[in-house]
Amino acid sequence: MAAATAAAFAKAMPNTHRVYEVKRADLPVSCPLPDMMVWNSHPKVYLPIEATGKAKCPYCGADYVLVD
């Protein structure tokens, strides 16, 4: 149980940044990102970033930018 708790705290806090840079290797992009804790965030939503190179999360308003 302690190892699981430590692993949870090792994950990033969700919704702490307003802009996230992602790479094509990270596609498909979802908010919150896979390395974020999701228990205290909003439901996972996939963002259509491929067409324009940017997307905004409809839940938290975070902006995602494709950098490569």
PDB file of N, CA and C in Angstrom:
ATOM      1  N   MET A   1       0.830  -1.184   0.000  1.00  0.00           N
ATOM      2  CA  MET A   1       0.000   0.000   0.000  1.00  0.00           C
ATOM      3  C   MET A   1       0.878   1.252   0.000  1.00  0.00           C
ATOM      4  N   ALA A   2       1.943   1.292   0.741  1.00  0.00           N
ATOM      5  CA  ALA A   2       2.814   2.464   0.788  1.00  0.00           C
ATOM      6  C   ALA A   2       3.462   2.714  -0.560  1.00  0.00           C
ATOM      7  N   ALA A   3       3.827   1.661  -1.281  1.00  0.00           N
ATOM      8  CA  ALA A   3       4.432   1.826  -2.607  1.00  0.00           C
ATOM      9  C   ALA A   3       3.427   2.436  -3.574  1.00  0.00           C
ATOM     10  N   ALA A   4       2.172   2.035  -3.505  1.00  0.00           N
ATOM     11  CA  ALA A   4       1.138   2.593  -4.379  1.00  0.00           C
ATOM     12  C   ALA A   4       0.918   4.071  -4.072  1.00  0.00           C
ATOM     13  N   THR A   5       0.934   4.422  -2.806  1.00  0.00           N
ATOM     14  CA  THR A   5       0.766   5.817  -2.417  1.00  0.00           C
ATOM     15  C   THR A   5       1.942   6.652  -2.896  1.00  0.00           C
ATOM     16  N   ALA A   6       3.146   6.148  -2.766  1.00  0.00           N
ATOM     17  CA  ALA A   6       4.334   6.866  -3.230  1.00  0.00           C
ATOM     18  C   ALA A   6       4.291   7.050  -4.739  1.00  0.00           C
ATOM     19  N   ALA A   7       3.825   6.035  -5.457  1.00  0.00           N
ATOM     20  CA  ALA A   7       3.732   6.141  -6.915  1.00  0.00           C
ATOM     21  C   ALA A   7       2.710   7.200  -7.310  1.00  0.00           C
ATOM     22  N   ALA A   8       1.627   7.297  -6.573  1.00  0.00           N
ATOM     23  CA  ALA A   8       0.608   8.311  -6.873  1.00  0.00           C
ATOM     24  C   ALA A   8       1.163   9.714  -6.675  1.00  0.00           C
ATOM     25  N   PHE A   9       1.959   9.921  -5.627  1.00  0.00           N
ATOM     26  CA  PHE A   9       2.523  11.236  -5.382  1.00  0.00           C
ATOM     27  C   PHE A   9       3.622  11.586  -6.370  1.00  0.00           C
ATOM     28  N   ALA A  10       4.189  10.588  -7.052  1.00  0.00           N
ATOM     29  CA  ALA A  10       5.219  10.841  -8.046  1.00  0.00           C
ATOM     30  C   ALA A  10       4.625  11.418  -9.326  1.00  0.00           C
ATOM     31  N   LYS A  11       3.339  11.264  -9.527  1.00  0.00           N
ATOM     32  CA  LYS A  11       2.679  11.795 -10.712  1.00  0.00           C
ATOM     33  C   LYS A  11       2.498  13.303 -10.574  1.00  0.00           C
ATOM     34  N   ALA A  12       2.397  13.973 -11.721  1.00  0.00           N
ATOM     35  CA  ALA A  12       2.251  15.424 -11.739  1.00  0.00           C
ATOM     36  C   ALA A  12       0.855  15.835 -11.300  1.00  0.00           C
ATOM     37  N   MET A  13       0.771  16.985 -10.678  1.00  0.00           N
ATOM     38  CA  MET A  13      -0.529  17.533 -10.310  1.00  0.00           C
ATOM     39  C   MET A  13      -1.226  18.028 -11.573  1.00  0.00           C
ATOM     40  N   PRO A  14      -2.492  17.721 -11.754  1.00  0.00           N
ATOM     41  CA  PRO A  14      -3.210  18.173 -12.944  1.00  0.00           C
ATOM     42  C   PRO A  14      -3.586  19.648 -12.860  1.00  0.00           C
ATOM     43  N   ASN A  15      -3.786  20.222 -14.002  1.00  0.00           N
ATOM     44  CA  ASN A  15      -4.312  21.584 -14.123  1.00  0.00           C
ATOM     45  C   ASN A  15      -3.441  22.634 -13.437  1.00  0.00           C
ATOM     46  N   THR A  16      -2.127  22.420 -13.409  1.00  0.00           N
ATOM     47  CA  THR A  16      -1.241  23.390 -12.774  1.00  0.00           C
ATOM     48  C   THR A  16      -0.627  24.362 -13.769  1.00  0.00           C
ATOM     49  N   HIS A  17      -0.642  24.029 -15.043  1.00  0.00           N
ATOM     50  CA  HIS A  17      -0.101  24.903 -16.076  1.00  0.00           C
ATOM     51  C   HIS A  17      -1.235  25.347 -16.989  1.00  0.00           C
ATOM     52  N   ARG A  18      -1.068  26.450 -17.622  1.00  0.00           N
ATOM     53  CA  ARG A  18      -2.069  26.924 -18.568  1.00  0.00           C
ATOM     54  C   ARG A  18      -1.736  26.487 -19.983  1.00  0.00           C
ATOM     55  N   VAL A  19      -0.450  26.209 -20.272  1.00  0.00           N
ATOM     56  CA  VAL A  19      -0.039  25.783 -21.606  1.00  0.00           C
ATOM     57  C   VAL A  19       0.850  24.549 -21.475  1.00  0.00           C
ATOM     58  N   TYR A  20       0.534  23.531 -22.273  1.00  0.00           N
ATOM     59  CA  TYR A  20       1.330  22.301 -22.299  1.00  0.00           C
ATOM     60  C   TYR A  20       1.828  22.097 -23.725  1.00  0.00           C
ATOM     61  N   GLU A  21       3.113  21.821 -23.871  1.00  0.00           N
ATOM     62  CA  GLU A  21       3.682  21.505 -25.171  1.00  0.00           C
ATOM     63  C   GLU A  21       3.732  19.989 -25.318  1.00  0.00           C
ATOM     64  N   VAL A  22       3.229  19.488 -26.441  1.00  0.00           N
ATOM     65  CA  VAL A  22       3.221  18.052 -26.701  1.00  0.00           C
ATOM     66  C   VAL A  22       3.875  17.783 -28.049  1.00  0.00           C
ATOM     67  N   LYS A  23       4.372  16.573 -28.209  1.00  0.00           N
ATOM     68  CA  LYS A  23       5.024  16.158 -29.455  1.00  0.00           C
ATOM     69  C   LYS A  23       4.151  15.143 -30.166  1.00  0.00           C
ATOM     70  N   ARG A  24       4.413  14.939 -31.443  1.00  0.00           N
ATOM     71  CA  ARG A  24       3.637  13.964 -32.220  1.00  0.00           C
ATOM     72  C   ARG A  24       3.728  12.568 -31.604  1.00  0.00           C
ATOM     73  N   ALA A  25       4.841  12.260 -30.959  1.00  0.00           N
ATOM     74  CA  ALA A  25       4.991  10.957 -30.303  1.00  0.00           C
ATOM     75  C   ALA A  25       4.003  10.796 -29.147  1.00  0.00           C
ATOM     76  N   ASP A  26       3.471  11.909 -28.628  1.00  0.00           N
ATOM     77  CA  ASP A  26       2.528  11.883 -27.515  1.00  0.00           C
ATOM     78  C   ASP A  26       1.074  11.702 -27.962  1.00  0.00           C
ATOM     79  N   LEU A  27       0.827  11.737 -29.264  1.00  0.00           N
ATOM     80  CA  LEU A  27      -0.549  11.644 -29.774  1.00  0.00           C
ATOM     81  C   LEU A  27      -1.118  10.254 -29.566  1.00  0.00           C
ATOM     82  N   PRO A  28      -2.377  10.096 -29.326  1.00  0.00           N
ATOM     83  CA  PRO A  28      -3.388  11.136 -29.154  1.00  0.00           C
ATOM     84  C   PRO A  28      -3.242  11.824 -27.797  1.00  0.00           C
ATOM     85  N   VAL A  29      -3.588  13.087 -27.752  1.00  0.00           N
ATOM     86  CA  VAL A  29      -3.442  13.898 -26.545  1.00  0.00           C
ATOM     87  C   VAL A  29      -4.755  13.903 -25.781  1.00  0.00           C
ATOM     88  N   SER A  30      -4.639  13.686 -24.480  1.00  0.00           N
ATOM     89  CA  SER A  30      -5.815  13.777 -23.622  1.00  0.00           C
ATOM     90  C   SER A  30      -5.509  14.702 -22.457  1.00  0.00           C
ATOM     91  N   CYS A  31      -6.532  15.289 -21.925  1.00  0.00           N
ATOM     92  CA  CYS A  31      -6.397  16.108 -20.722  1.00  0.00           C
ATOM     93  C   CYS A  31      -7.277  15.455 -19.663  1.00  0.00           C
ATOM     94  N   PRO A  32      -6.746  15.169 -18.508  1.00  0.00           N
ATOM     95  CA  PRO A  32      -5.365  15.345 -18.079  1.00  0.00           C
ATOM     96  C   PRO A  32      -4.425  14.375 -18.788  1.00  0.00           C
ATOM     97  N   LEU A  33      -3.151  14.773 -18.844  1.00  0.00           N
ATOM     98  CA  LEU A  33      -2.133  13.944 -19.491  1.00  0.00           C
ATOM     99  C   LEU A  33      -1.910  12.651 -18.692  1.00  0.00           C
ATOM    100  N   PRO A  34      -1.376  11.606 -19.350  1.00  0.00           N
ATOM    101  CA  PRO A  34      -1.192  10.310 -18.669  1.00  0.00           C
ATOM    102  C   PRO A  34      -0.311  10.361 -17.425  1.00  0.00           C
ATOM    103  N   ASP A  35       0.625  11.305 -17.348  1.00  0.00           N
ATOM    104  CA  ASP A  35       1.500  11.353 -16.174  1.00  0.00           C
ATOM    105  C   ASP A  35       0.941  12.222 -15.050  1.00  0.00           C
ATOM    106  N   MET A  36      -0.324  12.616 -15.158  1.00  0.00           N
ATOM    107  CA  MET A  36      -0.976  13.410 -14.122  1.00  0.00           C
ATOM    108  C   MET A  36      -1.889  12.535 -13.275  1.00  0.00           C
ATOM    109  N   MET A  37      -2.046  12.930 -12.018  1.00  0.00           N
ATOM    110  CA  MET A  37      -3.017  12.263 -11.162  1.00  0.00           C
ATOM    111  C   MET A  37      -4.402  12.626 -11.681  1.00  0.00           C
ATOM    112  N   VAL A  38      -5.281  11.664 -11.769  1.00  0.00           N
ATOM    113  CA  VAL A  38      -6.615  11.954 -12.285  1.00  0.00           C
ATOM    114  C   VAL A  38      -7.708  11.910 -11.220  1.00  0.00           C
ATOM    115  N   TRP A  39      -7.397  11.460 -10.037  1.00  0.00           N
ATOM    116  CA  TRP A  39      -8.431  11.329  -9.017  1.00  0.00           C
ATOM    117  C   TRP A  39      -8.995  12.679  -8.593  1.00  0.00           C
ATOM    118  N   ASN A  40      -8.226  13.757  -8.743  1.00  0.00           N
ATOM    119  CA  ASN A  40      -8.713  15.071  -8.316  1.00  0.00           C
ATOM    120  C   ASN A  40      -8.815  16.039  -9.492  1.00  0.00           C
ATOM    121  N   SER A  41      -8.981  15.495 -10.677  1.00  0.00           N
ATOM    122  CA  SER A  41      -9.095  16.325 -11.866  1.00  0.00           C
ATOM    123  C   SER A  41     -10.456  16.107 -12.509  1.00  0.00           C
ATOM    124  N   HIS A  42     -10.580  16.545 -13.728  1.00  0.00           N
ATOM    125  CA  HIS A  42     -11.833  16.363 -14.458  1.00  0.00           C
ATOM    126  C   HIS A  42     -11.791  15.071 -15.262  1.00  0.00           C
ATOM    127  N   PRO A  43     -12.908  14.663 -15.867  1.00  0.00           N
ATOM    128  CA  PRO A  43     -12.897  13.448 -16.696  1.00  0.00           C
ATOM    129  C   PRO A  43     -11.921  13.582 -17.864  1.00  0.00           C
ATOM    130  N   LYS A  44     -11.361  12.465 -18.282  1.00  0.00           N
ATOM    131  CA  LYS A  44     -10.418  12.475 -19.397  1.00  0.00           C
ATOM    132  C   LYS A  44     -11.151  12.838 -20.680  1.00  0.00           C
ATOM    133  N   VAL A  45     -10.560  13.746 -21.449  1.00  0.00           N
ATOM    134  CA  VAL A  45     -11.104  14.144 -22.733  1.00  0.00           C
ATOM    135  C   VAL A  45      -9.961  14.150 -23.748  1.00  0.00           C
ATOM    136  N   TYR A  46     -10.202  13.556 -24.920  1.00  0.00           N
ATOM    137  CA  TYR A  46      -9.197  13.566 -25.979  1.00  0.00           C
ATOM    138  C   TYR A  46      -9.345  14.834 -26.797  1.00  0.00           C
ATOM    139  N   LEU A  47      -8.215  15.452 -27.115  1.00  0.00           N
ATOM    140  CA  LEU A  47      -8.211  16.747 -27.789  1.00  0.00           C
ATOM    141  C   LEU A  47      -7.775  16.605 -29.247  1.00  0.00           C
ATOM    142  N   PRO A  48      -8.518  17.195 -30.186  1.00  0.00           N
ATOM    143  CA  PRO A  48      -8.182  17.124 -31.608  1.00  0.00           C
ATOM    144  C   PRO A  48      -7.116  18.152 -31.979  1.00  0.00           C
ATOM    145  N   ILE A  49      -5.868  17.835 -31.714  1.00  0.00           N
ATOM    146  CA  ILE A  49      -4.769  18.776 -31.910  1.00  0.00           C
ATOM    147  C   ILE A  49      -4.078  18.614 -33.265  1.00  0.00           C
ATOM    148  N   GLU A  50      -4.280  17.484 -33.926  1.00  0.00           N
ATOM    149  CA  GLU A  50      -3.536  17.180 -35.151  1.00  0.00           C
ATOM    150  C   GLU A  50      -3.799  18.180 -36.281  1.00  0.00           C
ATOM    151  N   ALA A  51      -5.025  18.624 -36.465  1.00  0.00           N
ATOM    152  CA  ALA A  51      -5.384  19.469 -37.603  1.00  0.00           C
ATOM    153  C   ALA A  51      -4.800  20.878 -37.523  1.00  0.00           C
ATOM    154  N   THR A  52      -4.856  21.498 -36.360  1.00  0.00           N
ATOM    155  CA  THR A  52      -4.436  22.903 -36.238  1.00  0.00           C
ATOM    156  C   THR A  52      -3.141  23.094 -35.468  1.00  0.00           C
ATOM    157  N   GLY A  53      -2.706  22.062 -34.732  1.00  0.00           N
ATOM    158  CA  GLY A  53      -1.491  22.189 -33.931  1.00  0.00           C
ATOM    159  C   GLY A  53      -1.729  22.763 -32.553  1.00  0.00           C
ATOM    160  N   LYS A  54      -3.002  23.022 -32.224  1.00  0.00           N
ATOM    161  CA  LYS A  54      -3.312  23.507 -30.879  1.00  0.00           C
ATOM    162  C   LYS A  54      -4.732  23.103 -30.524  1.00  0.00           C
ATOM    163  N   ALA A  55      -4.983  23.017 -29.219  1.00  0.00           N
ATOM    164  CA  ALA A  55      -6.307  22.642 -28.722  1.00  0.00           C
ATOM    165  C   ALA A  55      -6.469  23.182 -27.311  1.00  0.00           C
ATOM    166  N   LYS A  56      -7.706  23.395 -26.904  1.00  0.00           N
ATOM    167  CA  LYS A  56      -8.023  23.874 -25.556  1.00  0.00           C
ATOM    168  C   LYS A  56      -8.931  22.854 -24.884  1.00  0.00           C
ATOM    169  N   CYS A  57      -8.600  22.520 -23.650  1.00  0.00           N
ATOM    170  CA  CYS A  57      -9.419  21.587 -22.889  1.00  0.00           C
ATOM    171  C   CYS A  57     -10.740  22.266 -22.531  1.00  0.00           C
ATOM    172  N   PRO A  58     -11.864  21.615 -22.852  1.00  0.00           N
ATOM    173  CA  PRO A  58     -13.155  22.225 -22.530  1.00  0.00           C
ATOM    174  C   PRO A  58     -13.482  22.232 -21.033  1.00  0.00           C
ATOM    175  N   TYR A  59     -12.771  21.430 -20.245  1.00  0.00           N
ATOM    176  CA  TYR A  59     -13.026  21.381 -18.809  1.00  0.00           C
ATOM    177  C   TYR A  59     -12.219  22.407 -18.028  1.00  0.00           C
ATOM    178  N   CYS A  60     -10.900  22.389 -18.195  1.00  0.00           N
ATOM    179  CA  CYS A  60     -10.052  23.249 -17.366  1.00  0.00           C
ATOM    180  C   CYS A  60      -9.481  24.443 -18.108  1.00  0.00           C
ATOM    181  N   GLY A  61      -9.639  24.481 -19.432  1.00  0.00           N
ATOM    182  CA  GLY A  61      -9.162  25.614 -20.218  1.00  0.00           C
ATOM    183  C   GLY A  61      -7.685  25.587 -20.542  1.00  0.00           C
ATOM    184  N   ALA A  62      -6.993  24.504 -20.209  1.00  0.00           N
ATOM    185  CA  ALA A  62      -5.565  24.411 -20.519  1.00  0.00           C
ATOM    186  C   ALA A  62      -5.372  24.366 -22.040  1.00  0.00           C
ATOM    187  N   ASP A  63      -4.340  25.062 -22.498  1.00  0.00           N
ATOM    188  CA  ASP A  63      -4.008  25.062 -23.920  1.00  0.00           C
ATOM    189  C   ASP A  63      -2.912  24.044 -24.189  1.00  0.00           C
ATOM    190  N   TYR A  64      -3.074  23.301 -25.282  1.00  0.00           N
ATOM    191  CA  TYR A  64      -2.091  22.316 -25.717  1.00  0.00           C
ATOM    192  C   TYR A  64      -1.569  22.735 -27.066  1.00  0.00           C
ATOM    193  N   VAL A  65      -0.230  22.713 -27.223  1.00  0.00           N
ATOM    194  CA  VAL A  65       0.418  23.142 -28.456  1.00  0.00           C
ATOM    195  C   VAL A  65       1.309  22.022 -28.952  1.00  0.00           C
ATOM    196  N   LEU A  66       1.166  21.696 -30.232  1.00  0.00           N
ATOM    197  CA  LEU A  66       2.007  20.675 -30.868  1.00  0.00           C
ATOM    198  C   LEU A  66       3.317  21.337 -31.266  1.00  0.00           C
ATOM    199  N   VAL A  67       4.438  20.833 -30.777  1.00  0.00           N
ATOM    200  CA  VAL A  67       5.718  21.510 -30.995  1.00  0.00           C
ATOM    201  C   VAL A  67       6.605  20.863 -32.064  1.00  0.00           C
ATOM    202  N   ASP A  68       6.220  19.761 -32.663  1.00  0.00           N
ATOM    203  CA  ASP A  68       7.052  19.203 -33.734  1.00  0.00           C
ATOM    204  C   ASP A  68       6.211  18.702 -34.879  1.00  0.00           C
TER     205      ASP A  68
END
